[in-house]
Amino acid sequence: MNAAPTAPAPPPVLRRTGPPLAALAAVAVPAGYVAVVDPNAPGHYPDCPFLAATGWWCPGCGGLRCVHALAHGDLTGALHDNAVAVLLFGVLGVLWLRWGWAALTLGPPVRVSVGARRWALIGLLVLVFEVVRNLPIGAGLAPPVL
């Protein structure tokens, strides 16, 4: 009598969780640097070329200050520096947690599908954010001038 075929053993936990942990390290190391080297002090980081050329805050302006504020637990300051970045970091954090949990529990891999309409909506929202933060009414969305 033949024995029933057995399912292959799952990969070891370190092999499964390696990619999410590597991604975490790839984000944590530069974030740790920004947490220590204050972007609010002039001379540590290059100026934004878009801001230098146009005088307008780009959607990414204030991103380093936002990371610095978040690293120090200052959510209000982070939102003031770059609200879109805070939203993006939150979404990426949730996706990373789902990825790590799926790797740890042998769950299905996380799939994110963003269609053309959603990309267009995201682009429009970022454009509106950029314009509003450069108007007097949106001054609270612009990072402080150094």
C-alpha atoms as a PDB file:
ATOM      1  CA  MET A   1       0.000   0.000   0.000  1.00  0.00           C
ATOM      2  CA  ASN A   2       1.265   3.453  -0.917  1.00  0.00           C
ATOM      3  CA  ALA A   3       1.325   6.197   1.647  1.00  0.00           C
ATOM      4  CA  ALA A   4      -0.649   9.324   0.855  1.00  0.00           C
ATOM      5  CA  PRO A   5       1.529  12.133  -0.486  1.00  0.00           C
ATOM      6  CA  THR A   6       2.296  14.740   2.116  1.00  0.00           C
ATOM      7  CA  ALA A   7       2.171  18.456   1.542  1.00  0.00           C
ATOM      8  CA  PRO A   8       5.553  20.165   1.439  1.00  0.00           C
ATOM      9  CA  ALA A   9       6.625  21.773   4.683  1.00  0.00           C
ATOM     10  CA  PRO A  10       6.160  25.530   4.800  1.00  0.00           C
ATOM     11  CA  PRO A  11       9.319  27.640   4.576  1.00  0.00           C
ATOM     12  CA  PRO A  12      10.913  28.548   7.909  1.00  0.00           C
ATOM     13  CA  VAL A  13       9.527  31.638   9.614  1.00  0.00           C
ATOM     14  CA  LEU A  14      12.698  33.684   9.034  1.00  0.00           C
ATOM     15  CA  ARG A  15      12.583  32.964   5.322  1.00  0.00           C
ATOM     16  CA  ARG A  16       8.904  33.998   5.148  1.00  0.00           C
ATOM     17  CA  THR A  17       9.290  37.154   7.193  1.00  0.00           C
ATOM     18  CA  GLY A  18      12.647  38.164   5.691  1.00  0.00           C
ATOM     19  CA  PRO A  19      11.262  40.389   2.912  1.00  0.00           C
ATOM     20  CA  PRO A  20       8.895  42.390   5.171  1.00  0.00           C
ATOM     21  CA  LEU A  21      11.668  42.789   7.754  1.00  0.00           C
ATOM     22  CA  ALA A  22      14.143  43.882   5.066  1.00  0.00           C
ATOM     23  CA  ALA A  23      11.612  46.450   3.822  1.00  0.00           C
ATOM     24  CA  LEU A  24      11.163  47.688   7.396  1.00  0.00           C
ATOM     25  CA  ALA A  25      14.927  48.078   7.797  1.00  0.00           C
ATOM     26  CA  ALA A  26      15.159  49.886   4.442  1.00  0.00           C
ATOM     27  CA  VAL A  27      12.670  52.448   5.769  1.00  0.00           C
ATOM     28  CA  ALA A  28      13.787  52.538   9.409  1.00  0.00           C
ATOM     29  CA  VAL A  29      17.457  53.323   8.727  1.00  0.00           C
ATOM     30  CA  PRO A  30      16.884  56.544   6.734  1.00  0.00           C
ATOM     31  CA  ALA A  31      13.970  57.505   9.014  1.00  0.00           C
ATOM     32  CA  GLY A  32      16.284  57.064  11.990  1.00  0.00           C
ATOM     33  CA  TYR A  33      18.838  59.341  10.343  1.00  0.00           C
ATOM     34  CA  VAL A  34      16.186  62.011   9.728  1.00  0.00           C
ATOM     35  CA  ALA A  35      15.037  61.603  13.342  1.00  0.00           C
ATOM     36  CA  VAL A  36      18.547  62.417  14.555  1.00  0.00           C
ATOM     37  CA  VAL A  37      19.627  65.024  11.973  1.00  0.00           C
ATOM     38  CA  ASP A  38      16.977  67.746  12.243  1.00  0.00           C
ATOM     39  CA  PRO A  39      15.762  68.982   8.838  1.00  0.00           C
ATOM     40  CA  ASN A  40      14.496  72.150  10.557  1.00  0.00           C
ATOM     41  CA  ALA A  41      18.107  73.249  11.046  1.00  0.00           C
ATOM     42  CA  PRO A  42      19.450  74.772   7.829  1.00  0.00           C
ATOM     43  CA  GLY A  43      22.366  73.239   5.994  1.00  0.00           C
ATOM     44  CA  HIS A  44      21.732  69.527   6.577  1.00  0.00           C
ATOM     45  CA  TYR A  45      19.651  68.700   3.504  1.00  0.00           C
ATOM     46  CA  PRO A  46      19.484  70.144  -0.023  1.00  0.00           C
ATOM     47  CA  ASP A  47      16.744  72.604  -0.908  1.00  0.00           C
ATOM     48  CA  CYS A  48      13.800  71.484  -3.020  1.00  0.00           C
ATOM     49  CA  PRO A  49      14.572  72.332  -6.668  1.00  0.00           C
ATOM     50  CA  PHE A  50      10.862  72.900  -7.424  1.00  0.00           C
ATOM     51  CA  LEU A  51      10.582  75.380  -4.542  1.00  0.00           C
ATOM     52  CA  ALA A  52      13.799  77.104  -5.615  1.00  0.00           C
ATOM     53  CA  ALA A  53      12.636  77.396  -9.239  1.00  0.00           C
ATOM     54  CA  THR A  54       9.001  78.385  -8.667  1.00  0.00           C
ATOM     55  CA  GLY A  55       8.660  79.621  -5.109  1.00  0.00           C
ATOM     56  CA  TRP A  56       5.848  77.072  -4.618  1.00  0.00           C
ATOM     57  CA  TRP A  57       5.807  74.194  -2.158  1.00  0.00           C
ATOM     58  CA  CYS A  58       5.751  70.909  -4.079  1.00  0.00           C
ATOM     59  CA  PRO A  59       3.702  67.963  -2.764  1.00  0.00           C
ATOM     60  CA  GLY A  60       6.858  66.523  -1.180  1.00  0.00           C
ATOM     61  CA  CYS A  61       8.073  69.722   0.497  1.00  0.00           C
ATOM     62  CA  GLY A  62       8.139  69.267   4.234  1.00  0.00           C
ATOM     63  CA  GLY A  63       8.370  65.478   3.927  1.00  0.00           C
ATOM     64  CA  LEU A  64      11.652  65.237   5.839  1.00  0.00           C
ATOM     65  CA  ARG A  65      10.328  67.573   8.519  1.00  0.00           C
ATOM     66  CA  CYS A  66       7.209  65.403   8.645  1.00  0.00           C
ATOM     67  CA  VAL A  67       9.311  62.259   9.223  1.00  0.00           C
ATOM     68  CA  HIS A  68      11.314  64.081  11.904  1.00  0.00           C
ATOM     69  CA  ALA A  69       8.136  65.201  13.670  1.00  0.00           C
ATOM     70  CA  LEU A  70       6.613  61.713  13.511  1.00  0.00           C
ATOM     71  CA  ALA A  71       9.823  60.188  14.882  1.00  0.00           C
ATOM     72  CA  HIS A  72       9.479  62.514  17.852  1.00  0.00           C
ATOM     73  CA  GLY A  73       5.772  61.795  18.355  1.00  0.00           C
ATOM     74  CA  ASP A  74       4.571  65.182  17.082  1.00  0.00           C
ATOM     75  CA  LEU A  75       1.564  64.280  14.914  1.00  0.00           C
ATOM     76  CA  THR A  76       0.293  67.864  14.774  1.00  0.00           C
ATOM     77  CA  GLY A  77       3.661  69.127  13.551  1.00  0.00           C
ATOM     78  CA  ALA A  78       3.875  66.295  11.026  1.00  0.00           C
ATOM     79  CA  LEU A  79       0.428  67.135   9.650  1.00  0.00           C
ATOM     80  CA  HIS A  80       1.450  70.789   9.378  1.00  0.00           C
ATOM     81  CA  ASP A  81       4.681  69.885   7.562  1.00  0.00           C
ATOM     82  CA  ASN A  82       3.076  67.521   5.022  1.00  0.00           C
ATOM     83  CA  ALA A  83      -0.410  66.096   5.561  1.00  0.00           C
ATOM     84  CA  VAL A  84      -0.262  63.991   2.384  1.00  0.00           C
ATOM     85  CA  ALA A  85       2.938  62.312   3.589  1.00  0.00           C
ATOM     86  CA  VAL A  86       1.293  61.442   6.919  1.00  0.00           C
ATOM     87  CA  LEU A  87      -1.604  59.867   5.029  1.00  0.00           C
ATOM     88  CA  LEU A  88       0.804  57.980   2.749  1.00  0.00           C
ATOM     89  CA  PHE A  89       2.862  56.722   5.715  1.00  0.00           C
ATOM     90  CA  GLY A  90      -0.319  55.492   7.380  1.00  0.00           C
ATOM     91  CA  VAL A  91      -1.440  53.600   4.274  1.00  0.00           C
ATOM     92  CA  LEU A  92       2.013  52.112   3.769  1.00  0.00           C
ATOM     93  CA  GLY A  93       2.141  51.107   7.438  1.00  0.00           C
ATOM     94  CA  VAL A  94      -1.162  49.249   7.179  1.00  0.00           C
ATOM     95  CA  LEU A  95      -0.032  47.518   3.983  1.00  0.00           C
ATOM     96  CA  TRP A  96       3.248  46.537   5.629  1.00  0.00           C
ATOM     97  CA  LEU A  97       1.396  45.106   8.638  1.00  0.00           C
ATOM     98  CA  ARG A  98      -0.838  43.061   6.326  1.00  0.00           C
ATOM     99  CA  TRP A  99       2.218  41.827   4.429  1.00  0.00           C
ATOM    100  CA  GLY A 100       4.065  40.883   7.621  1.00  0.00           C
ATOM    101  CA  TRP A 101       1.012  39.149   9.088  1.00  0.00           C
ATOM    102  CA  ALA A 102       0.442  37.175   5.880  1.00  0.00           C
ATOM    103  CA  ALA A 103       4.112  36.102   5.872  1.00  0.00           C
ATOM    104  CA  LEU A 104       3.993  35.125   9.534  1.00  0.00           C
ATOM    105  CA  THR A 105       0.725  33.166   9.379  1.00  0.00           C
ATOM    106  CA  LEU A 106       1.167  31.644   5.902  1.00  0.00           C
ATOM    107  CA  GLY A 107      -1.805  33.682   4.745  1.00  0.00           C
ATOM    108  CA  PRO A 108      -2.419  34.716   1.157  1.00  0.00           C
ATOM    109  CA  PRO A 109      -0.028  37.353  -0.157  1.00  0.00           C
ATOM    110  CA  VAL A 110      -1.223  40.931  -0.034  1.00  0.00           C
ATOM    111  CA  ARG A 111      -2.344  42.215  -3.414  1.00  0.00           C
ATOM    112  CA  VAL A 112      -3.005  45.892  -4.017  1.00  0.00           C
ATOM    113  CA  SER A 113      -4.754  46.860  -7.193  1.00  0.00           C
ATOM    114  CA  VAL A 114      -5.175  50.512  -8.036  1.00  0.00           C
ATOM    115  CA  GLY A 115      -6.967  51.096 -11.316  1.00  0.00           C
ATOM    116  CA  ALA A 116      -6.522  54.002 -13.702  1.00  0.00           C
ATOM    117  CA  ARG A 117      -9.453  55.932 -12.218  1.00  0.00           C
ATOM    118  CA  ARG A 118      -8.038  55.692  -8.709  1.00  0.00           C
ATOM    119  CA  TRP A 119      -4.589  56.798  -9.909  1.00  0.00           C
ATOM    120  CA  ALA A 120      -6.234  59.765 -11.608  1.00  0.00           C
ATOM    121  CA  LEU A 121      -8.115  60.596  -8.389  1.00  0.00           C
ATOM    122  CA  ILE A 122      -4.919  60.292  -6.335  1.00  0.00           C
ATOM    123  CA  GLY A 123      -3.099  62.568  -8.800  1.00  0.00           C
ATOM    124  CA  LEU A 124      -5.921  65.100  -8.663  1.00  0.00           C
ATOM    125  CA  LEU A 125      -5.931  65.096  -4.850  1.00  0.00           C
ATOM    126  CA  VAL A 126      -2.147  65.623  -4.748  1.00  0.00           C
ATOM    127  CA  LEU A 127      -2.467  68.467  -7.257  1.00  0.00           C
ATOM    128  CA  VAL A 128      -5.241  70.100  -5.200  1.00  0.00           C
ATOM    129  CA  PHE A 129      -3.081  69.693  -2.081  1.00  0.00           C
ATOM    130  CA  GLU A 130      -0.157  71.367  -3.855  1.00  0.00           C
ATOM    131  CA  VAL A 131      -2.250  74.313  -5.031  1.00  0.00           C
ATOM    132  CA  VAL A 132      -4.122  74.831  -1.755  1.00  0.00           C
ATOM    133  CA  ARG A 133      -0.980  74.735   0.393  1.00  0.00           C
ATOM    134  CA  ASN A 134       0.449  77.540  -1.763  1.00  0.00           C
ATOM    135  CA  LEU A 135      -2.592  79.813  -1.332  1.00  0.00           C
ATOM    136  CA  PRO A 136      -3.125  82.054   1.694  1.00  0.00           C
ATOM    137  CA  ILE A 137      -6.121  79.955   2.745  1.00  0.00           C
ATOM    138  CA  GLY A 138      -3.927  76.832   2.938  1.00  0.00           C
ATOM    139  CA  ALA A 139      -0.981  78.354   4.774  1.00  0.00           C
ATOM    140  CA  GLY A 140      -1.525  75.838   7.591  1.00  0.00           C
ATOM    141  CA  LEU A 141      -0.649  73.046   5.147  1.00  0.00           C
ATOM    142  CA  ALA A 142       2.728  74.565   4.208  1.00  0.00           C
ATOM    143  CA  PRO A 143       5.890  73.751   6.152  1.00  0.00           C
ATOM    144  CA  PRO A 144       7.610  76.588   7.992  1.00  0.00           C
ATOM    145  CA  VAL A 145      10.090  78.676   6.023  1.00  0.00           C
ATOM    146  CA  LEU A 146      13.702  78.193   7.096  1.00  0.00           C
END
